[in-house]
Amino acid sequence: MQPPSFPGAQEPERQQVVESLGLRLNVLEWGHRDATPVVLCHGMFDHGRSFATLAPLLARRFRLIAIDARGHGDSDWADAYHWPIDVADIVSVLRWLGRPCHLVGHSKGGGQATDAARIAPQAVRKLVNIDGFGPPPFPEMLQEIPERMAQHLDARRRRGAQHAWRPYASLDDLIERRKAQNPRLSREWLRYFLYHGARESEDGWRWKCDPIMGDGFGPWRPDWIGPSYASLEMPMLAVVGSEQDTWGLLPGPVLKERLAHVKQLSRCTIHGAGHFAHIEQPAETAAAILDFLDS
């Protein structure tokens, strides 16, 4: 099958491997090698090409490095997935770069980029978080930690035997599956994105991402998120869309309370976009990021 194209999406100019904690992370690059680096961190079940329309707009001035998180895209799979390890992988990429950079993350990647900035402040100049501020409080998250741990381990045990996704007969079937999950994303975008996020074999198409990632990240509480922001030493741009989506928007008071802990905060709403602002409105999102990085 000929690789699909999408308006504004550009192929990475370079592809490299970064070693982190014994695994190989695939990284994609746009822009001049000598420009200030901007590290891009994608969301759950996505991959580095989720930034294929945003990165070229930023690459006019910066060196863009999009990580395929462990278990995603063309990075190695692991025996288990835990939030602190994903954060450590981002720090490994920062160390590999060897110079201060900016961090941009979306959804899960936004939360993990924020934590990486907290633990490696000397490596991060500015932080952009695109709708990665965690879930709203809900009853399951308020259970006692031992009960949450038991549920996490039970889920991990159930998924431990699942070594591969079931095959889909065609790429179109994968597109419809993801479209049902994210109805705001166009089929044209999903064809481009999922072609690079799946593999075709004799019996059909399978996701590249590791199925055991669905066991979650262990017990934690949403009310821990906001106070953790207080240790950020660099400015943060908090980006959200204006439209309700499958994931989000967070209730206004919840987001306001969490962001109140950020010492140097800028906020931006991308109109006409939902959870995937950088995909739905890449030009507007890029303009907001460039304005923030220039300030």
Protein backbone atom coordinates (compact mmCIF):
# COMPACT_ATOMS: atom_id res chain seq x y z
CA MET A 1 0.00 0.00 0.00
CA GLN A 2 1.25 3.48 -0.87
CA PRO A 3 1.80 5.57 2.30
CA PRO A 4 -1.11 8.02 2.61
CA SER A 5 -0.56 11.75 2.76
CA PHE A 6 -2.43 14.48 4.64
CA PRO A 7 -2.47 18.24 3.98
CA GLY A 8 0.21 19.92 6.06
CA ALA A 9 1.74 16.67 7.34
CA GLN A 10 5.44 16.39 6.55
CA GLU A 11 7.63 13.34 6.77
CA PRO A 12 10.32 13.54 9.48
CA GLU A 13 13.68 14.72 8.21
CA ARG A 14 15.57 12.33 10.47
CA GLN A 15 14.81 9.22 12.51
CA GLN A 16 17.03 8.09 15.37
CA VAL A 17 17.12 5.73 18.34
CA VAL A 18 17.72 6.79 21.94
CA GLU A 19 18.54 4.19 24.61
CA SER A 20 16.59 4.55 27.86
CA LEU A 21 16.63 2.11 30.75
CA GLY A 22 17.47 -0.80 28.48
CA LEU A 23 14.88 -0.02 25.78
CA ARG A 24 15.19 1.62 22.38
CA LEU A 25 13.06 4.72 21.89
CA ASN A 26 12.27 5.81 18.35
CA VAL A 27 12.55 9.58 17.83
CA LEU A 28 11.52 11.60 14.79
CA GLU A 29 13.03 14.97 13.90
CA TRP A 30 12.13 18.06 11.91
CA GLY A 31 14.18 21.28 11.63
CA HIS A 32 17.83 22.27 11.71
CA ARG A 33 20.06 20.25 14.02
CA ASP A 34 21.63 23.39 15.51
CA ALA A 35 18.34 25.11 16.39
CA THR A 36 16.96 25.16 19.93
CA PRO A 37 15.36 21.74 20.58
CA VAL A 38 11.67 21.26 21.30
CA VAL A 39 10.79 17.76 22.56
CA LEU A 40 7.28 16.52 21.71
CA CYS A 41 5.49 13.91 23.88
CA HIS A 42 2.32 12.26 22.53
CA GLY A 43 -0.76 10.86 24.26
CA MET A 44 -1.92 7.35 25.14
CA PHE A 45 -2.13 4.95 22.17
CA ASP A 46 -0.69 7.63 19.83
CA HIS A 47 2.84 8.01 18.41
CA GLY A 48 5.29 10.69 17.34
CA ARG A 49 3.57 11.40 14.03
CA SER A 50 0.62 12.85 15.91
CA PHE A 51 2.72 16.03 15.61
CA ALA A 52 3.26 15.70 11.84
CA THR A 53 1.21 18.83 11.07
CA LEU A 54 2.36 20.87 14.10
CA ALA A 55 6.10 20.11 13.96
CA PRO A 56 6.72 21.57 10.46
CA LEU A 57 5.18 24.87 11.57
CA LEU A 58 7.53 25.03 14.56
CA ALA A 59 10.53 23.68 12.63
CA ARG A 60 10.99 26.99 10.85
CA ARG A 61 12.65 28.15 14.06
CA PHE A 62 13.28 25.08 16.20
CA ARG A 63 14.61 21.52 16.08
CA LEU A 64 11.61 19.28 16.78
CA ILE A 65 12.13 15.87 18.41
CA ALA A 66 8.99 13.70 18.67
CA ILE A 67 9.31 10.63 20.89
CA ASP A 68 7.51 7.34 20.29
CA ALA A 69 6.90 6.48 23.94
CA ARG A 70 7.83 2.96 25.04
CA GLY A 71 5.22 0.50 23.82
CA HIS A 72 4.06 2.93 21.11
CA GLY A 73 4.94 3.44 17.46
CA ASP A 74 8.34 2.02 16.58
CA SER A 75 9.78 2.05 20.10
CA ASP A 76 10.43 -1.17 22.02
CA TRP A 77 7.76 -2.83 24.15
CA ALA A 78 8.32 -3.38 27.87
CA ASP A 79 7.23 -5.99 30.41
CA ALA A 80 5.12 -3.40 32.24
CA TYR A 81 4.29 0.30 31.97
CA HIS A 82 4.45 2.72 34.85
CA TRP A 83 4.13 6.48 34.81
CA PRO A 84 7.54 7.22 36.43
CA ILE A 85 9.31 5.09 33.81
CA ASP A 86 7.69 7.02 30.96
CA VAL A 87 8.80 10.23 32.67
CA ALA A 88 12.34 8.82 32.99
CA ASP A 89 12.31 8.09 29.24
CA ILE A 90 11.62 11.76 28.52
CA VAL A 91 14.50 12.72 30.81
CA SER A 92 16.72 10.24 28.91
CA VAL A 93 15.94 12.11 25.69
CA LEU A 94 16.70 15.44 27.38
CA ARG A 95 20.07 14.07 28.50
CA TRP A 96 20.73 12.67 25.03
CA LEU A 97 20.22 16.16 23.60
CA GLY A 98 22.71 17.57 26.09
CA ARG A 99 21.38 21.12 26.03
CA PRO A 100 18.40 23.00 27.49
CA CYS A 101 15.23 22.65 25.44
CA HIS A 102 11.50 23.31 25.45
CA LEU A 103 8.99 20.56 26.24
CA VAL A 104 5.58 20.15 24.57
CA GLY A 105 3.22 17.34 25.58
CA HIS A 106 -0.33 16.34 24.75
CA SER A 107 -2.77 14.47 27.02
CA LYS A 108 -0.83 11.73 28.85
CA GLY A 109 2.31 13.14 27.25
CA GLY A 110 1.43 16.56 28.64
CA GLY A 111 1.23 15.21 32.16
CA GLN A 112 4.45 13.25 31.79
CA ALA A 113 6.27 16.18 30.17
CA THR A 114 5.20 18.27 33.16
CA ASP A 115 6.65 15.71 35.56
CA ALA A 116 9.86 15.49 33.51
CA ALA A 117 10.20 19.28 33.74
CA ARG A 118 9.76 19.05 37.51
CA ILE A 119 12.52 16.48 38.00
CA ALA A 120 14.97 17.85 35.40
CA PRO A 121 14.43 21.63 35.62
CA GLN A 122 17.96 22.42 34.45
CA ALA A 123 17.18 20.80 31.09
CA VAL A 124 13.87 22.56 30.37
CA ARG A 125 13.44 26.21 29.41
CA LYS A 126 9.67 26.36 28.90
CA LEU A 127 6.81 23.86 29.07
CA VAL A 128 3.68 23.58 26.93
CA ASN A 129 0.93 21.25 28.17
CA ILE A 130 -1.86 20.55 25.67
CA ASP A 131 -4.88 19.24 27.63
CA GLY A 132 -2.74 16.98 29.79
CA PHE A 133 -4.06 18.01 33.20
CA GLY A 134 -5.44 14.67 34.32
CA PRO A 135 -8.98 13.34 34.70
CA PRO A 136 -11.67 14.91 36.84
CA PRO A 137 -12.21 13.35 40.25
CA PHE A 138 -14.53 10.36 40.05
CA PRO A 139 -15.51 7.71 42.61
CA GLU A 140 -13.02 5.01 41.60
CA MET A 141 -10.14 7.44 42.10
CA LEU A 142 -11.24 8.16 45.66
CA GLN A 143 -10.87 4.58 46.87
CA GLU A 144 -8.24 3.75 49.42
CA ILE A 145 -4.79 3.09 47.99
CA PRO A 146 -4.64 -0.65 48.89
CA GLU A 147 -7.90 -1.23 47.01
CA ARG A 148 -6.65 0.74 44.03
CA MET A 149 -3.42 -1.26 44.06
CA ALA A 150 -5.34 -4.53 44.06
CA GLN A 151 -7.42 -3.41 41.09
CA HIS A 152 -4.30 -2.33 39.22
CA LEU A 153 -2.58 -5.67 39.81
CA ASP A 154 -5.70 -7.60 38.82
CA ALA A 155 -5.94 -5.67 35.57
CA ARG A 156 -2.23 -6.20 34.94
CA ARG A 157 -2.64 -9.94 35.50
CA ARG A 158 -5.58 -10.16 33.07
CA ARG A 159 -3.70 -8.34 30.34
CA GLY A 160 -0.43 -10.13 30.91
CA ALA A 161 -1.46 -13.00 28.64
CA GLN A 162 -2.42 -10.69 25.78
CA HIS A 163 0.66 -10.51 23.59
CA ALA A 164 -0.92 -9.05 20.44
CA TRP A 165 -4.03 -7.26 19.28
CA ARG A 166 -6.59 -9.13 17.24
CA PRO A 167 -6.18 -8.40 13.52
CA TYR A 168 -8.48 -6.06 11.63
CA ALA A 169 -9.32 -7.03 8.07
CA SER A 170 -8.33 -3.68 6.61
CA LEU A 171 -6.89 -0.29 7.45
CA ASP A 172 -10.41 1.09 6.98
CA ASP A 173 -11.58 -1.11 9.85
CA LEU A 174 -8.88 0.36 12.10
CA ILE A 175 -9.93 3.85 11.03
CA GLU A 176 -13.55 3.20 11.97
CA ARG A 177 -12.49 1.81 15.36
CA ARG A 178 -10.44 4.89 16.20
CA LYS A 179 -13.07 7.20 14.68
CA ALA A 180 -15.62 5.80 17.13
CA GLN A 181 -13.24 6.66 19.96
CA ASN A 182 -12.30 10.12 18.64
CA PRO A 183 -15.16 11.31 16.41
CA ARG A 184 -13.72 14.81 15.96
CA LEU A 185 -10.71 13.46 14.04
CA SER A 186 -11.26 13.19 10.28
CA ARG A 187 -10.96 9.90 8.43
CA GLU A 188 -8.36 11.50 6.16
CA TRP A 189 -6.15 12.29 9.16
CA LEU A 190 -6.74 8.88 10.71
CA ARG A 191 -5.74 7.14 7.48
CA TYR A 192 -2.40 8.94 7.54
CA PHE A 193 -1.91 8.52 11.28
CA LEU A 194 -2.99 4.89 11.62
CA TYR A 195 -1.01 3.74 8.60
CA HIS A 196 2.08 4.67 10.64
CA GLY A 197 0.57 3.37 13.89
CA ALA A 198 -0.25 -0.15 12.69
CA ARG A 199 1.37 -3.04 10.84
CA GLU A 200 -0.06 -5.15 8.05
CA SER A 201 0.54 -8.91 8.17
CA GLU A 202 -0.90 -11.92 6.39
CA ASP A 203 -3.99 -12.04 8.59
CA GLY A 204 -4.73 -8.30 8.69
CA TRP A 205 -3.79 -5.03 10.41
CA ARG A 206 -2.73 -4.73 14.04
CA TRP A 207 -1.95 -1.72 16.22
CA LYS A 208 1.76 -1.23 16.84
CA CYS A 209 1.20 -0.24 20.47
CA ASP A 210 1.51 -2.81 23.23
CA PRO A 211 -1.92 -4.09 24.40
CA ILE A 212 -0.87 -4.40 28.05
CA MET A 213 -0.59 -0.62 28.36
CA GLY A 214 -4.31 -0.58 29.10
CA ASP A 215 -3.66 -1.76 32.65
CA GLY A 216 -3.07 1.87 33.69
CA PHE A 217 -0.37 3.45 35.79
CA GLY A 218 -1.16 2.21 39.27
CA PRO A 219 -2.96 3.81 42.19
CA TRP A 220 -3.00 7.58 42.50
CA ARG A 221 -5.44 10.39 43.19
CA PRO A 222 -6.41 13.29 40.90
CA ASP A 223 -6.14 15.69 43.83
CA TRP A 224 -2.37 15.11 43.81
CA ILE A 225 -2.02 16.71 40.36
CA GLY A 226 -2.42 20.40 41.17
CA PRO A 227 -0.05 20.51 44.17
CA SER A 228 2.65 18.80 42.08
CA TYR A 229 2.66 21.81 39.74
CA ALA A 230 3.96 24.02 42.54
CA SER A 231 7.49 22.67 42.05
CA LEU A 232 7.71 23.78 38.41
CA GLU A 233 10.55 26.25 38.00
CA MET A 234 9.90 27.24 34.38
CA PRO A 235 6.93 28.96 32.69
CA MET A 236 4.04 26.77 31.55
CA LEU A 237 1.60 27.41 28.71
CA ALA A 238 -1.65 25.54 29.37
CA VAL A 239 -3.52 24.85 26.10
CA VAL A 240 -7.08 23.56 25.84
CA GLY A 241 -9.66 23.39 23.08
CA SER A 242 -12.99 25.17 23.16
CA GLU A 243 -15.14 22.14 22.29
CA GLN A 244 -16.29 19.27 24.44
CA ASP A 245 -14.70 16.00 23.32
CA THR A 246 -14.51 12.32 24.21
CA TRP A 247 -11.66 13.18 26.61
CA GLY A 248 -12.34 16.57 28.19
CA LEU A 249 -12.88 19.35 28.67
CA LEU A 250 -12.06 19.33 32.36
CA PRO A 251 -14.67 21.25 34.37
CA GLY A 252 -13.54 24.87 34.58
CA PRO A 253 -13.26 25.00 38.37
CA VAL A 254 -11.18 21.77 38.44
CA LEU A 255 -8.72 23.06 35.85
CA LYS A 256 -8.54 26.47 37.52
CA GLU A 257 -7.71 24.89 40.89
CA ARG A 258 -4.96 22.73 39.43
CA LEU A 259 -3.37 25.51 37.41
CA ALA A 260 -3.48 27.86 40.39
CA HIS A 261 -0.39 26.02 41.69
CA VAL A 262 1.73 27.00 38.64
CA LYS A 263 3.96 29.94 39.50
CA GLN A 264 4.52 31.20 35.93
CA LEU A 265 1.35 30.39 34.00
CA SER A 266 0.02 31.41 30.58
CA ARG A 267 -3.26 30.04 29.27
CA CYS A 268 -4.61 29.63 25.75
CA THR A 269 -7.86 28.28 24.30
CA ILE A 270 -7.79 27.00 20.72
CA HIS A 271 -11.22 27.70 19.26
CA GLY A 272 -12.84 25.10 17.06
CA ALA A 273 -10.81 22.27 18.60
CA GLY A 274 -11.38 19.56 21.17
CA HIS A 275 -8.87 17.36 22.98
CA PHE A 276 -6.55 17.14 19.94
CA ALA A 277 -6.02 20.88 19.43
CA HIS A 278 -2.65 20.39 17.73
CA ILE A 279 -4.24 18.09 15.14
CA GLU A 280 -7.56 19.87 14.61
CA GLN A 281 -6.09 23.39 14.52
CA PRO A 282 -2.31 23.05 13.98
CA ALA A 283 -1.74 26.59 12.67
CA GLU A 284 -3.49 28.22 15.62
CA THR A 285 -1.77 25.92 18.09
CA ALA A 286 1.64 26.57 16.53
CA ALA A 287 1.05 30.33 16.64
CA ALA A 288 0.20 30.15 20.35
CA ILE A 289 3.29 28.04 21.11
CA LEU A 290 5.61 30.29 19.12
CA ASP A 291 4.22 33.39 20.84
CA PHE A 292 4.80 31.77 24.23
CA LEU A 293 8.33 30.61 23.42
CA ASP A 294 9.19 34.10 22.15
CA SER A 295 7.88 35.88 25.25
